[in-house]
Amino acid sequence: MAESSNSEKRRQAIMQLIREQEIETQEELTDLLKEQGFDTTQATVSRDIRFLGLSKVPATGGRKIYALPRTVSDPGGKYAGILAEGFISCDTAGHMLVIKTAAGMAMAVAAAVDAMEFEQVVGSIAGDDTVMLAIKNEDAAVKLCVRLRALVGRG
């Protein structure tokens, strides 16, 4: 029973790390888990990656980073689908992220982003075709823009 509990806690930590950071390798993920106090190996992390259904998605500079499957970060893919349908582009302005959407889709896209519970997002405001997101810091804004582009297939 303790192993099951430890596995679940480690997997929850992995999902949180993937949401918050751009992680490229199993070694990097293993090191981050060790920093959080998990006594784990790369082989265990590899099994957890398979169990969680993580995949690699394009990031800046031709890199690939781990991402949660829609079933973990977005049950049924409903919110990711709304995001993909309305999303046109995103750009940053300091710690703000501006998403351009199809006409009339900004509120739906903002609601989808809110429902996806990105840790970096402090709040959102939507107009007709523009969403403004307040992000915790400039670096997080850039990373979230990259992640959103990857989610909608424009990475």
N, C-alpha and C. Protein backbone atom coordinates (compact mmCIF):
# COMPACT_ATOMS: atom_id res chain seq x y z
N MET A 1 0.82 -1.19 0.00
CA MET A 1 0.00 0.00 0.00
C MET A 1 0.86 1.25 0.00
N ALA A 2 1.97 1.25 0.76
CA ALA A 2 2.84 2.41 0.81
C ALA A 2 3.45 2.70 -0.55
N GLU A 3 3.82 1.65 -1.30
CA GLU A 3 4.40 1.85 -2.63
C GLU A 3 3.39 2.51 -3.54
N SER A 4 2.14 2.08 -3.47
CA SER A 4 1.10 2.67 -4.30
C SER A 4 0.94 4.15 -3.97
N SER A 5 0.96 4.49 -2.69
CA SER A 5 0.84 5.87 -2.27
C SER A 5 2.04 6.69 -2.74
N ASN A 6 3.24 6.12 -2.63
CA ASN A 6 4.45 6.80 -3.09
C ASN A 6 4.41 7.01 -4.60
N SER A 7 3.95 6.00 -5.32
CA SER A 7 3.85 6.11 -6.78
C SER A 7 2.88 7.22 -7.17
N GLU A 8 1.75 7.27 -6.49
CA GLU A 8 0.76 8.29 -6.79
C GLU A 8 1.30 9.69 -6.49
N LYS A 9 1.98 9.85 -5.36
CA LYS A 9 2.55 11.16 -5.01
C LYS A 9 3.61 11.57 -6.03
N ARG A 10 4.44 10.61 -6.43
CA ARG A 10 5.49 10.90 -7.42
C ARG A 10 4.86 11.29 -8.75
N ARG A 11 3.82 10.58 -9.16
CA ARG A 11 3.15 10.89 -10.43
C ARG A 11 2.46 12.25 -10.38
N GLN A 12 1.88 12.57 -9.24
CA GLN A 12 1.28 13.91 -9.08
C GLN A 12 2.36 14.98 -9.20
N ALA A 13 3.52 14.73 -8.59
CA ALA A 13 4.63 15.68 -8.68
C ALA A 13 5.11 15.82 -10.12
N ILE A 14 5.17 14.71 -10.85
CA ILE A 14 5.58 14.75 -12.26
C ILE A 14 4.61 15.62 -13.06
N MET A 15 3.32 15.41 -12.86
CA MET A 15 2.33 16.20 -13.60
C MET A 15 2.47 17.69 -13.27
N GLN A 16 2.70 18.00 -12.01
CA GLN A 16 2.87 19.40 -11.61
C GLN A 16 4.11 20.00 -12.27
N LEU A 17 5.21 19.26 -12.26
CA LEU A 17 6.44 19.74 -12.89
C LEU A 17 6.24 19.99 -14.39
N ILE A 18 5.54 19.07 -15.05
CA ILE A 18 5.30 19.21 -16.49
C ILE A 18 4.44 20.44 -16.77
N ARG A 19 3.47 20.72 -15.89
CA ARG A 19 2.63 21.91 -16.07
C ARG A 19 3.42 23.20 -15.91
N GLU A 20 4.41 23.18 -15.00
CA GLU A 20 5.11 24.40 -14.63
C GLU A 20 6.40 24.66 -15.39
N GLN A 21 7.03 23.61 -15.92
CA GLN A 21 8.35 23.77 -16.52
C GLN A 21 8.43 23.07 -17.88
N GLU A 22 9.38 23.51 -18.68
CA GLU A 22 9.66 22.84 -19.94
C GLU A 22 10.75 21.81 -19.67
N ILE A 23 10.37 20.55 -19.68
CA ILE A 23 11.28 19.46 -19.35
C ILE A 23 11.53 18.63 -20.60
N GLU A 24 12.82 18.50 -20.95
CA GLU A 24 13.18 17.83 -22.20
C GLU A 24 13.55 16.36 -22.04
N THR A 25 14.12 15.98 -20.89
CA THR A 25 14.64 14.61 -20.76
C THR A 25 14.16 13.93 -19.48
N GLN A 26 14.25 12.60 -19.49
CA GLN A 26 13.93 11.83 -18.29
C GLN A 26 14.92 12.15 -17.18
N GLU A 27 16.18 12.36 -17.54
CA GLU A 27 17.20 12.70 -16.54
C GLU A 27 16.85 14.00 -15.84
N GLU A 28 16.43 15.00 -16.61
CA GLU A 28 16.05 16.28 -16.03
C GLU A 28 14.86 16.10 -15.09
N LEU A 29 13.89 15.32 -15.49
CA LEU A 29 12.72 15.05 -14.65
C LEU A 29 13.12 14.31 -13.38
N THR A 30 13.99 13.33 -13.51
CA THR A 30 14.49 12.57 -12.35
C THR A 30 15.18 13.50 -11.36
N ASP A 31 16.03 14.39 -11.87
CA ASP A 31 16.74 15.34 -11.00
C ASP A 31 15.78 16.27 -10.28
N LEU A 32 14.77 16.76 -10.99
CA LEU A 32 13.78 17.65 -10.36
C LEU A 32 13.00 16.92 -9.27
N LEU A 33 12.67 15.66 -9.51
CA LEU A 33 11.96 14.87 -8.49
C LEU A 33 12.85 14.66 -7.26
N LYS A 34 14.12 14.41 -7.49
CA LYS A 34 15.06 14.23 -6.37
C LYS A 34 15.16 15.51 -5.55
N GLU A 35 15.13 16.67 -6.23
CA GLU A 35 15.15 17.95 -5.52
C GLU A 35 13.93 18.11 -4.63
N GLN A 36 12.83 17.45 -5.00
CA GLN A 36 11.59 17.51 -4.21
C GLN A 36 11.54 16.41 -3.15
N GLY A 37 12.61 15.63 -3.04
CA GLY A 37 12.67 14.61 -1.99
C GLY A 37 12.25 13.22 -2.40
N PHE A 38 12.02 12.99 -3.69
CA PHE A 38 11.65 11.65 -4.16
C PHE A 38 12.92 10.86 -4.45
N ASP A 39 13.04 9.68 -3.84
CA ASP A 39 14.17 8.79 -4.09
C ASP A 39 13.78 7.91 -5.28
N THR A 40 14.18 8.31 -6.48
CA THR A 40 13.72 7.63 -7.68
C THR A 40 14.86 7.44 -8.67
N THR A 41 14.61 6.60 -9.65
CA THR A 41 15.59 6.33 -10.69
C THR A 41 15.00 6.70 -12.05
N GLN A 42 15.86 6.79 -13.03
CA GLN A 42 15.39 7.10 -14.38
C GLN A 42 14.45 5.99 -14.89
N ALA A 43 14.74 4.74 -14.53
CA ALA A 43 13.87 3.63 -14.96
C ALA A 43 12.46 3.79 -14.39
N THR A 44 12.36 4.21 -13.14
CA THR A 44 11.05 4.44 -12.52
C THR A 44 10.34 5.59 -13.20
N VAL A 45 11.07 6.66 -13.47
CA VAL A 45 10.49 7.82 -14.15
C VAL A 45 10.02 7.42 -15.55
N SER A 46 10.76 6.57 -16.22
CA SER A 46 10.36 6.09 -17.55
C SER A 46 9.03 5.34 -17.47
N ARG A 47 8.87 4.51 -16.44
CA ARG A 47 7.59 3.79 -16.26
C ARG A 47 6.46 4.77 -15.95
N ASP A 48 6.76 5.78 -15.13
CA ASP A 48 5.74 6.79 -14.81
C ASP A 48 5.33 7.56 -16.05
N ILE A 49 6.27 7.88 -16.91
CA ILE A 49 5.98 8.60 -18.16
C ILE A 49 5.01 7.78 -19.01
N ARG A 50 5.28 6.49 -19.12
CA ARG A 50 4.37 5.61 -19.88
C ARG A 50 3.01 5.53 -19.20
N PHE A 51 3.00 5.36 -17.88
CA PHE A 51 1.75 5.24 -17.13
C PHE A 51 0.89 6.49 -17.31
N LEU A 52 1.51 7.67 -17.26
CA LEU A 52 0.78 8.93 -17.37
C LEU A 52 0.44 9.31 -18.81
N GLY A 53 1.05 8.61 -19.76
CA GLY A 53 0.79 8.89 -21.16
C GLY A 53 1.40 10.20 -21.64
N LEU A 54 2.53 10.59 -21.02
CA LEU A 54 3.18 11.83 -21.43
C LEU A 54 3.71 11.69 -22.85
N SER A 55 3.74 12.79 -23.55
CA SER A 55 4.29 12.80 -24.91
C SER A 55 5.22 13.99 -25.03
N LYS A 56 5.97 14.02 -26.11
CA LYS A 56 6.85 15.15 -26.38
C LYS A 56 6.16 16.04 -27.42
N VAL A 57 6.21 17.34 -27.17
CA VAL A 57 5.63 18.31 -28.10
C VAL A 57 6.71 19.31 -28.49
N PRO A 58 6.57 19.94 -29.65
CA PRO A 58 7.57 20.92 -30.09
C PRO A 58 7.62 22.13 -29.17
N ALA A 59 8.84 22.64 -28.97
CA ALA A 59 9.05 23.87 -28.20
C ALA A 59 9.99 24.76 -29.01
N THR A 60 10.38 25.86 -28.43
CA THR A 60 11.25 26.80 -29.15
C THR A 60 12.59 26.17 -29.48
N GLY A 61 13.19 26.63 -30.55
CA GLY A 61 14.52 26.19 -30.92
C GLY A 61 14.60 24.75 -31.38
N GLY A 62 13.49 24.19 -31.83
CA GLY A 62 13.50 22.81 -32.30
C GLY A 62 13.55 21.78 -31.19
N ARG A 63 13.44 22.24 -29.95
CA ARG A 63 13.47 21.30 -28.83
C ARG A 63 12.12 20.59 -28.70
N LYS A 64 12.11 19.52 -27.96
CA LYS A 64 10.87 18.80 -27.65
C LYS A 64 10.77 18.71 -26.13
N ILE A 65 9.58 19.00 -25.61
CA ILE A 65 9.36 18.96 -24.17
C ILE A 65 8.21 18.00 -23.85
N TYR A 66 8.22 17.50 -22.63
CA TYR A 66 7.14 16.61 -22.19
C TYR A 66 5.85 17.41 -21.99
N ALA A 67 4.73 16.80 -22.35
CA ALA A 67 3.41 17.40 -22.16
C ALA A 67 2.45 16.35 -21.65
N LEU A 68 1.46 16.81 -20.89
CA LEU A 68 0.43 15.91 -20.39
C LEU A 68 -0.54 15.57 -21.52
N PRO A 69 -1.07 14.37 -21.51
CA PRO A 69 -2.10 14.05 -22.51
C PRO A 69 -3.37 14.81 -22.18
N ARG A 70 -4.20 15.00 -23.16
CA ARG A 70 -5.46 15.72 -22.93
C ARG A 70 -6.28 15.07 -21.84
N THR A 71 -6.18 13.77 -21.70
CA THR A 71 -7.00 13.08 -20.70
C THR A 71 -6.58 13.43 -19.28
N VAL A 72 -5.33 13.90 -19.09
CA VAL A 72 -4.88 14.27 -17.76
C VAL A 72 -5.11 15.76 -17.53
N SER A 73 -4.68 16.61 -18.47
CA SER A 73 -4.79 18.05 -18.25
C SER A 73 -6.14 18.59 -18.68
N ASP A 74 -6.88 17.82 -19.47
CA ASP A 74 -8.15 18.30 -20.01
C ASP A 74 -9.03 17.10 -20.33
N PRO A 75 -9.81 16.64 -19.36
CA PRO A 75 -10.63 15.46 -19.60
C PRO A 75 -11.46 15.58 -20.87
N GLY A 76 -11.33 14.61 -21.75
CA GLY A 76 -12.08 14.59 -22.99
C GLY A 76 -11.54 15.51 -24.07
N GLY A 77 -10.53 16.29 -23.73
CA GLY A 77 -9.98 17.20 -24.72
C GLY A 77 -10.90 18.38 -25.04
N LYS A 78 -11.95 18.54 -24.24
CA LYS A 78 -12.96 19.57 -24.49
C LYS A 78 -12.35 20.96 -24.54
N TYR A 79 -11.57 21.33 -23.52
CA TYR A 79 -11.02 22.67 -23.45
C TYR A 79 -9.91 22.87 -24.47
N ALA A 80 -9.10 21.85 -24.68
CA ALA A 80 -8.05 21.95 -25.70
C ALA A 80 -8.68 22.13 -27.07
N GLY A 81 -9.81 21.49 -27.31
CA GLY A 81 -10.52 21.64 -28.58
C GLY A 81 -11.04 23.05 -28.77
N ILE A 82 -11.59 23.64 -27.71
CA ILE A 82 -12.08 25.02 -27.77
C ILE A 82 -10.90 25.96 -28.02
N LEU A 83 -9.81 25.72 -27.31
CA LEU A 83 -8.62 26.54 -27.49
C LEU A 83 -8.14 26.46 -28.94
N ALA A 84 -8.05 25.26 -29.48
CA ALA A 84 -7.57 25.07 -30.85
C ALA A 84 -8.51 25.72 -31.87
N GLU A 85 -9.81 25.66 -31.60
CA GLU A 85 -10.79 26.22 -32.53
C GLU A 85 -10.70 27.74 -32.61
N GLY A 86 -10.47 28.39 -31.47
CA GLY A 86 -10.49 29.85 -31.46
C GLY A 86 -9.15 30.53 -31.56
N PHE A 87 -8.08 29.83 -31.23
CA PHE A 87 -6.74 30.41 -31.16
C PHE A 87 -6.22 30.82 -32.54
N ILE A 88 -5.71 32.04 -32.64
CA ILE A 88 -5.03 32.48 -33.85
C ILE A 88 -3.54 32.67 -33.57
N SER A 89 -3.20 33.40 -32.49
CA SER A 89 -1.80 33.63 -32.16
C SER A 89 -1.69 34.06 -30.71
N CYS A 90 -0.45 34.06 -30.21
CA CYS A 90 -0.20 34.63 -28.89
C CYS A 90 1.14 35.36 -28.91
N ASP A 91 1.25 36.32 -28.03
CA ASP A 91 2.48 37.09 -27.89
C ASP A 91 2.53 37.60 -26.46
N THR A 92 3.73 37.98 -26.03
CA THR A 92 3.90 38.45 -24.66
C THR A 92 4.20 39.94 -24.64
N ALA A 93 3.84 40.56 -23.54
CA ALA A 93 4.18 41.96 -23.25
C ALA A 93 4.51 41.99 -21.76
N GLY A 94 5.78 41.80 -21.45
CA GLY A 94 6.18 41.69 -20.05
C GLY A 94 5.58 40.43 -19.45
N HIS A 95 4.89 40.58 -18.34
CA HIS A 95 4.28 39.42 -17.69
C HIS A 95 2.85 39.17 -18.18
N MET A 96 2.46 39.87 -19.24
CA MET A 96 1.13 39.67 -19.83
C MET A 96 1.26 38.78 -21.06
N LEU A 97 0.25 37.96 -21.29
CA LEU A 97 0.19 37.14 -22.49
C LEU A 97 -1.08 37.55 -23.23
N VAL A 98 -0.94 37.87 -24.51
CA VAL A 98 -2.08 38.31 -25.31
C VAL A 98 -2.36 37.23 -26.35
N ILE A 99 -3.58 36.73 -26.33
CA ILE A 99 -4.00 35.71 -27.29
C ILE A 99 -5.00 36.35 -28.25
N LYS A 100 -4.70 36.27 -29.53
CA LYS A 100 -5.63 36.72 -30.56
C LYS A 100 -6.49 35.52 -30.94
N THR A 101 -7.79 35.74 -31.06
CA THR A 101 -8.72 34.66 -31.36
C THR A 101 -9.56 35.01 -32.58
N ALA A 102 -10.26 34.01 -33.07
CA ALA A 102 -11.27 34.25 -34.10
C ALA A 102 -12.32 35.17 -33.49
N ALA A 103 -12.99 35.96 -34.33
CA ALA A 103 -14.01 36.90 -33.86
C ALA A 103 -15.06 36.17 -33.03
N GLY A 104 -15.35 36.74 -31.85
CA GLY A 104 -16.37 36.18 -30.98
C GLY A 104 -15.93 35.00 -30.13
N MET A 105 -14.65 34.60 -30.23
CA MET A 105 -14.19 33.40 -29.52
C MET A 105 -13.36 33.69 -28.27
N ALA A 106 -13.09 34.96 -28.00
CA ALA A 106 -12.19 35.28 -26.88
C ALA A 106 -12.71 34.77 -25.54
N MET A 107 -13.99 34.94 -25.28
CA MET A 107 -14.52 34.49 -23.98
C MET A 107 -14.42 32.98 -23.83
N ALA A 108 -14.68 32.25 -24.90
CA ALA A 108 -14.58 30.79 -24.84
C ALA A 108 -13.14 30.35 -24.65
N VAL A 109 -12.22 31.01 -25.36
CA VAL A 109 -10.79 30.66 -25.21
C VAL A 109 -10.32 30.99 -23.80
N ALA A 110 -10.70 32.14 -23.26
CA ALA A 110 -10.33 32.50 -21.89
C ALA A 110 -10.88 31.48 -20.89
N ALA A 111 -12.12 31.08 -21.06
CA ALA A 111 -12.72 30.09 -20.18
C ALA A 111 -11.99 28.75 -20.28
N ALA A 112 -11.58 28.37 -21.49
CA ALA A 112 -10.84 27.12 -21.68
C ALA A 112 -9.49 27.20 -20.98
N VAL A 113 -8.78 28.31 -21.15
CA VAL A 113 -7.48 28.48 -20.49
C VAL A 113 -7.66 28.43 -18.97
N ASP A 114 -8.68 29.11 -18.46
CA ASP A 114 -8.95 29.07 -17.02
C ASP A 114 -9.23 27.64 -16.54
N ALA A 115 -10.02 26.91 -17.31
CA ALA A 115 -10.39 25.54 -16.92
C ALA A 115 -9.20 24.59 -16.97
N MET A 116 -8.23 24.89 -17.82
CA MET A 116 -7.04 24.03 -17.93
C MET A 116 -6.07 24.25 -16.78
N GLU A 117 -6.33 25.26 -15.96
CA GLU A 117 -5.61 25.50 -14.71
C GLU A 117 -4.09 25.54 -14.85
N PHE A 118 -3.60 26.34 -15.78
CA PHE A 118 -2.16 26.54 -15.89
C PHE A 118 -1.68 27.29 -14.65
N GLU A 119 -0.67 26.76 -13.99
CA GLU A 119 -0.16 27.35 -12.74
C GLU A 119 0.31 28.79 -12.93
N GLN A 120 0.81 29.12 -14.12
CA GLN A 120 1.39 30.43 -14.36
C GLN A 120 0.34 31.53 -14.44
N VAL A 121 -0.91 31.18 -14.73
CA VAL A 121 -1.96 32.17 -14.98
C VAL A 121 -2.53 32.68 -13.66
N VAL A 122 -2.50 34.01 -13.50
CA VAL A 122 -3.06 34.65 -12.33
C VAL A 122 -4.52 35.04 -12.59
N GLY A 123 -4.81 35.46 -13.83
CA GLY A 123 -6.17 35.84 -14.18
C GLY A 123 -6.28 36.12 -15.66
N SER A 124 -7.52 36.26 -16.13
CA SER A 124 -7.74 36.50 -17.56
C SER A 124 -8.86 37.52 -17.76
N ILE A 125 -8.75 38.24 -18.89
CA ILE A 125 -9.77 39.19 -19.32
C ILE A 125 -10.00 38.93 -20.80
N ALA A 126 -11.26 38.87 -21.22
CA ALA A 126 -11.56 38.59 -22.63
C ALA A 126 -12.44 39.67 -23.22
N GLY A 127 -12.13 40.00 -24.47
CA GLY A 127 -12.99 40.89 -25.25
C GLY A 127 -13.68 40.06 -26.32
N ASP A 128 -13.75 40.57 -27.53
CA ASP A 128 -14.37 39.85 -28.64
C ASP A 128 -13.38 38.91 -29.32
N ASP A 129 -12.18 39.43 -29.61
CA ASP A 129 -11.18 38.61 -30.31
C ASP A 129 -9.80 38.66 -29.66
N THR A 130 -9.75 39.09 -28.40
CA THR A 130 -8.48 39.18 -27.69
C THR A 130 -8.66 38.73 -26.25
N VAL A 131 -7.69 37.95 -25.79
CA VAL A 131 -7.65 37.53 -24.39
C VAL A 131 -6.34 38.05 -23.80
N MET A 132 -6.43 38.67 -22.64
CA MET A 132 -5.22 39.08 -21.92
C MET A 132 -5.11 38.25 -20.66
N LEU A 133 -3.96 37.62 -20.51
CA LEU A 133 -3.71 36.81 -19.33
C LEU A 133 -2.63 37.47 -18.48
N ALA A 134 -2.88 37.62 -17.20
CA ALA A 134 -1.85 38.07 -16.27
C ALA A 134 -1.08 36.82 -15.86
N ILE A 135 0.23 36.85 -16.05
CA ILE A 135 1.09 35.70 -15.78
C ILE A 135 2.04 36.08 -14.64
N LYS A 136 2.47 35.10 -13.87
CA LYS A 136 3.29 35.35 -12.68
C LYS A 136 4.57 36.12 -12.97
N ASN A 137 5.22 35.84 -14.11
CA ASN A 137 6.44 36.58 -14.46
C ASN A 137 6.68 36.47 -15.96
N GLU A 138 7.65 37.25 -16.46
CA GLU A 138 7.90 37.31 -17.90
C GLU A 138 8.32 35.96 -18.48
N ASP A 139 9.20 35.25 -17.78
CA ASP A 139 9.67 33.95 -18.26
C ASP A 139 8.51 32.97 -18.38
N ALA A 140 7.64 32.96 -17.38
CA ALA A 140 6.47 32.08 -17.41
C ALA A 140 5.53 32.44 -18.55
N ALA A 141 5.42 33.73 -18.87
CA ALA A 141 4.57 34.17 -19.98
C ALA A 141 5.08 33.62 -21.30
N VAL A 142 6.39 33.72 -21.51
CA VAL A 142 6.99 33.19 -22.74
C VAL A 142 6.77 31.69 -22.83
N LYS A 143 7.02 30.98 -21.75
CA LYS A 143 6.86 29.52 -21.75
C LYS A 143 5.41 29.10 -21.99
N LEU A 144 4.47 29.82 -21.41
CA LEU A 144 3.07 29.48 -21.62
C LEU A 144 2.66 29.73 -23.06
N CYS A 145 3.14 30.80 -23.67
CA CYS A 145 2.83 31.07 -25.07
C CYS A 145 3.33 29.92 -25.94
N VAL A 146 4.54 29.46 -25.68
CA VAL A 146 5.10 28.32 -26.41
C VAL A 146 4.23 27.08 -26.22
N ARG A 147 3.82 26.84 -24.99
CA ARG A 147 2.99 25.66 -24.68
C ARG A 147 1.63 25.75 -25.35
N LEU A 148 1.01 26.92 -25.36
CA LEU A 148 -0.29 27.07 -26.01
C LEU A 148 -0.17 26.84 -27.51
N ARG A 149 0.89 27.38 -28.12
CA ARG A 149 1.11 27.15 -29.55
C ARG A 149 1.25 25.66 -29.83
N ALA A 150 1.98 24.96 -28.97
CA ALA A 150 2.16 23.51 -29.16
C ALA A 150 0.82 22.77 -29.01
N LEU A 151 0.02 23.19 -28.03
CA LEU A 151 -1.28 22.54 -27.81
C LEU A 151 -2.20 22.66 -29.01
N VAL A 152 -2.13 23.77 -29.72
CA VAL A 152 -3.02 23.97 -30.86
C VAL A 152 -2.35 23.60 -32.18
N GLY A 153 -1.13 23.06 -32.10
CA GLY A 153 -0.45 22.59 -33.31
C GLY A 153 0.21 23.69 -34.11
N ARG A 154 0.56 24.79 -33.45
CA ARG A 154 1.24 25.89 -34.15
C ARG A 154 2.58 26.18 -33.51
N GLY A 155 3.19 25.13 -32.91
CA GLY A 155 4.46 25.31 -32.21
C GLY A 155 5.56 25.43 -33.15
